[in-house]
Amino acid sequence: MKFNVIKFVRNTADQYSATVSATFDNLESAKVNYHSELMNLHNSSDVKAATVKIEDEFGHELTGYTEQVEHEVETE
């Protein structure tokens, strides 16, 4: 079975993107990428909100592998 790490991101300029970050042949590799993507998004200063999830090749979400990142954005 294949596993997709999917990323939805809205940046501080309100630009939106949805991408399949990567596709893996095994769940362990997908988990490593999932956590790496989340770390990068949590540490990014230009991310307003994001969601990262793992789905199988048929589009079924893996329970426990969907996380949202939300940053407070200061307005002037």
N, C-alpha and C. Protein backbone atom coordinates (compact mmCIF):
# COMPACT_ATOMS: atom_id res chain seq x y z
N MET A 1 0.84 -1.18 0.00
CA MET A 1 0.00 0.00 0.00
C MET A 1 0.89 1.24 0.00
N LYS A 2 0.42 2.28 -0.64
CA LYS A 2 1.12 3.56 -0.68
C LYS A 2 0.47 4.52 0.31
N PHE A 3 1.29 5.48 0.78
CA PHE A 3 0.83 6.48 1.74
C PHE A 3 1.26 7.86 1.25
N ASN A 4 0.33 8.81 1.29
CA ASN A 4 0.59 10.18 0.86
C ASN A 4 0.60 11.12 2.05
N VAL A 5 1.60 11.99 2.09
CA VAL A 5 1.61 13.08 3.07
C VAL A 5 1.09 14.30 2.32
N ILE A 6 -0.02 14.84 2.81
CA ILE A 6 -0.70 15.93 2.13
C ILE A 6 -0.61 17.19 3.00
N LYS A 7 -0.34 18.30 2.34
CA LYS A 7 -0.11 19.55 3.05
C LYS A 7 -1.00 20.65 2.46
N PHE A 8 -1.73 21.35 3.35
CA PHE A 8 -2.56 22.49 2.99
C PHE A 8 -1.99 23.70 3.74
N VAL A 9 -1.64 24.76 3.03
CA VAL A 9 -0.96 25.89 3.67
C VAL A 9 -1.57 27.21 3.21
N ARG A 10 -1.80 28.11 4.16
CA ARG A 10 -2.13 29.51 3.86
C ARG A 10 -1.03 30.34 4.50
N ASN A 11 -0.36 31.14 3.66
CA ASN A 11 0.74 31.95 4.20
C ASN A 11 0.25 33.31 4.68
N THR A 12 1.17 34.11 5.19
CA THR A 12 0.81 35.40 5.76
C THR A 12 0.34 36.40 4.70
N ALA A 13 0.58 36.11 3.43
CA ALA A 13 0.07 36.95 2.33
C ALA A 13 -1.28 36.43 1.84
N ASP A 14 -1.86 35.48 2.57
CA ASP A 14 -3.14 34.85 2.25
C ASP A 14 -3.12 34.06 0.94
N GLN A 15 -1.97 33.56 0.56
CA GLN A 15 -1.86 32.66 -0.59
C GLN A 15 -2.06 31.25 -0.07
N TYR A 16 -2.79 30.45 -0.83
CA TYR A 16 -3.14 29.09 -0.42
C TYR A 16 -2.54 28.07 -1.37
N SER A 17 -2.07 26.97 -0.81
CA SER A 17 -1.62 25.86 -1.65
C SER A 17 -2.00 24.54 -0.99
N ALA A 18 -2.25 23.55 -1.84
CA ALA A 18 -2.52 22.19 -1.38
C ALA A 18 -1.64 21.27 -2.21
N THR A 19 -0.82 20.46 -1.54
CA THR A 19 0.11 19.60 -2.28
C THR A 19 0.23 18.24 -1.62
N VAL A 20 0.51 17.26 -2.47
CA VAL A 20 0.95 15.97 -1.94
C VAL A 20 2.45 16.14 -1.75
N SER A 21 2.86 16.24 -0.50
CA SER A 21 4.25 16.49 -0.17
C SER A 21 5.15 15.35 -0.65
N ALA A 22 4.67 14.12 -0.47
CA ALA A 22 5.44 12.94 -0.88
C ALA A 22 4.55 11.71 -0.83
N THR A 23 4.93 10.68 -1.56
CA THR A 23 4.25 9.39 -1.55
C THR A 23 5.27 8.33 -1.14
N PHE A 24 4.85 7.44 -0.25
CA PHE A 24 5.76 6.43 0.30
C PHE A 24 5.18 5.03 0.16
N ASP A 25 6.07 4.05 0.09
CA ASP A 25 5.67 2.65 0.00
C ASP A 25 5.42 2.03 1.36
N ASN A 26 5.85 2.72 2.44
CA ASN A 26 5.62 2.17 3.77
C ASN A 26 5.23 3.28 4.74
N LEU A 27 4.49 2.91 5.74
CA LEU A 27 3.94 3.86 6.70
C LEU A 27 5.01 4.54 7.53
N GLU A 28 6.05 3.83 7.91
CA GLU A 28 7.09 4.43 8.75
C GLU A 28 7.76 5.62 8.06
N SER A 29 8.05 5.49 6.77
CA SER A 29 8.66 6.59 6.02
C SER A 29 7.69 7.76 5.92
N ALA A 30 6.41 7.48 5.74
CA ALA A 30 5.40 8.53 5.68
C ALA A 30 5.32 9.27 7.01
N LYS A 31 5.40 8.55 8.11
CA LYS A 31 5.36 9.17 9.44
C LYS A 31 6.54 10.12 9.65
N VAL A 32 7.72 9.70 9.22
CA VAL A 32 8.92 10.55 9.37
C VAL A 32 8.73 11.84 8.59
N ASN A 33 8.25 11.74 7.35
CA ASN A 33 8.02 12.92 6.52
C ASN A 33 6.92 13.80 7.11
N TYR A 34 5.86 13.21 7.62
CA TYR A 34 4.75 13.92 8.25
C TYR A 34 5.27 14.80 9.40
N HIS A 35 6.08 14.22 10.27
CA HIS A 35 6.61 14.97 11.41
C HIS A 35 7.60 16.05 10.96
N SER A 36 8.37 15.77 9.93
CA SER A 36 9.31 16.75 9.39
C SER A 36 8.56 17.94 8.78
N GLU A 37 7.51 17.67 8.03
CA GLU A 37 6.70 18.75 7.45
C GLU A 37 6.09 19.61 8.55
N LEU A 38 5.57 18.98 9.59
CA LEU A 38 4.99 19.74 10.71
C LEU A 38 6.03 20.60 11.40
N MET A 39 7.22 20.06 11.62
CA MET A 39 8.29 20.83 12.26
C MET A 39 8.62 22.07 11.43
N ASN A 40 8.74 21.88 10.12
CA ASN A 40 9.05 23.02 9.25
C ASN A 40 7.94 24.07 9.29
N LEU A 41 6.70 23.65 9.27
CA LEU A 41 5.59 24.59 9.30
C LEU A 41 5.48 25.32 10.64
N HIS A 42 5.72 24.61 11.73
CA HIS A 42 5.69 25.24 13.06
C HIS A 42 6.78 26.29 13.18
N ASN A 43 7.92 26.07 12.53
CA ASN A 43 9.05 26.98 12.63
C ASN A 43 9.08 28.06 11.56
N SER A 44 8.15 28.04 10.64
CA SER A 44 8.13 29.00 9.55
C SER A 44 7.42 30.28 9.96
N SER A 45 8.06 31.41 9.68
CA SER A 45 7.47 32.70 10.06
C SER A 45 6.44 33.20 9.05
N ASP A 46 6.38 32.60 7.87
CA ASP A 46 5.42 33.08 6.86
C ASP A 46 4.20 32.18 6.70
N VAL A 47 3.99 31.27 7.66
CA VAL A 47 2.82 30.39 7.62
C VAL A 47 1.78 30.92 8.60
N LYS A 48 0.58 31.17 8.06
CA LYS A 48 -0.53 31.62 8.90
C LYS A 48 -1.27 30.42 9.47
N ALA A 49 -1.58 29.45 8.59
CA ALA A 49 -2.29 28.24 9.02
C ALA A 49 -1.94 27.12 8.05
N ALA A 50 -1.93 25.91 8.59
CA ALA A 50 -1.61 24.75 7.75
C ALA A 50 -2.21 23.50 8.36
N THR A 51 -2.41 22.51 7.52
CA THR A 51 -2.83 21.18 7.95
C THR A 51 -1.97 20.17 7.21
N VAL A 52 -1.50 19.18 7.94
CA VAL A 52 -0.73 18.08 7.34
C VAL A 52 -1.42 16.79 7.74
N LYS A 53 -1.54 15.87 6.78
CA LYS A 53 -2.19 14.60 7.09
C LYS A 53 -1.56 13.48 6.28
N ILE A 54 -1.76 12.26 6.74
CA ILE A 54 -1.38 11.08 5.98
C ILE A 54 -2.65 10.38 5.53
N GLU A 55 -2.70 10.07 4.23
CA GLU A 55 -3.80 9.29 3.68
C GLU A 55 -3.24 8.08 2.95
N ASP A 56 -4.02 7.02 2.90
CA ASP A 56 -3.58 5.87 2.11
C ASP A 56 -3.85 6.14 0.64
N GLU A 57 -3.48 5.21 -0.22
CA GLU A 57 -3.60 5.42 -1.66
C GLU A 57 -5.04 5.55 -2.14
N PHE A 58 -6.00 5.23 -1.29
CA PHE A 58 -7.40 5.33 -1.64
C PHE A 58 -8.06 6.58 -1.04
N GLY A 59 -7.27 7.44 -0.41
CA GLY A 59 -7.78 8.68 0.15
C GLY A 59 -8.34 8.57 1.55
N HIS A 60 -8.10 7.46 2.24
CA HIS A 60 -8.58 7.30 3.61
C HIS A 60 -7.54 7.89 4.57
N GLU A 61 -8.00 8.80 5.44
CA GLU A 61 -7.11 9.40 6.43
C GLU A 61 -6.69 8.36 7.45
N LEU A 62 -5.43 8.42 7.87
CA LEU A 62 -4.95 7.55 8.94
C LEU A 62 -5.27 8.22 10.27
N THR A 63 -5.98 7.53 11.12
CA THR A 63 -6.36 8.06 12.42
C THR A 63 -5.11 8.47 13.21
N GLY A 64 -5.15 9.68 13.74
CA GLY A 64 -4.03 10.18 14.55
C GLY A 64 -2.96 10.88 13.75
N TYR A 65 -3.14 11.00 12.44
CA TYR A 65 -2.12 11.63 11.60
C TYR A 65 -2.71 12.78 10.77
N THR A 66 -3.42 13.65 11.46
CA THR A 66 -3.87 14.93 10.91
C THR A 66 -3.61 15.97 11.98
N GLU A 67 -2.84 17.00 11.62
CA GLU A 67 -2.53 18.04 12.61
C GLU A 67 -2.61 19.41 11.94
N GLN A 68 -3.11 20.37 12.72
CA GLN A 68 -3.20 21.74 12.23
C GLN A 68 -2.15 22.61 12.90
N VAL A 69 -1.63 23.55 12.14
CA VAL A 69 -0.67 24.53 12.63
C VAL A 69 -1.33 25.89 12.46
N GLU A 70 -1.39 26.68 13.51
CA GLU A 70 -1.95 28.02 13.40
C GLU A 70 -1.04 28.99 14.13
N HIS A 71 -0.69 30.06 13.44
CA HIS A 71 0.16 31.10 14.02
C HIS A 71 -0.66 32.38 14.12
N GLU A 72 -0.47 33.07 15.22
CA GLU A 72 -1.06 34.41 15.36
C GLU A 72 -0.31 35.33 14.40
N VAL A 73 -1.05 36.10 13.63
CA VAL A 73 -0.44 37.04 12.71
C VAL A 73 -0.74 38.43 13.20
N GLU A 74 0.32 39.19 13.43
CA GLU A 74 0.15 40.56 13.93
C GLU A 74 -0.28 41.47 12.79
N THR A 75 -1.27 42.29 13.06
CA THR A 75 -1.70 43.27 12.07
C THR A 75 -1.33 44.65 12.58
N GLU A 76 -1.01 45.51 11.66
CA GLU A 76 -0.59 46.87 12.05
C GLU A 76 -1.68 47.86 11.81
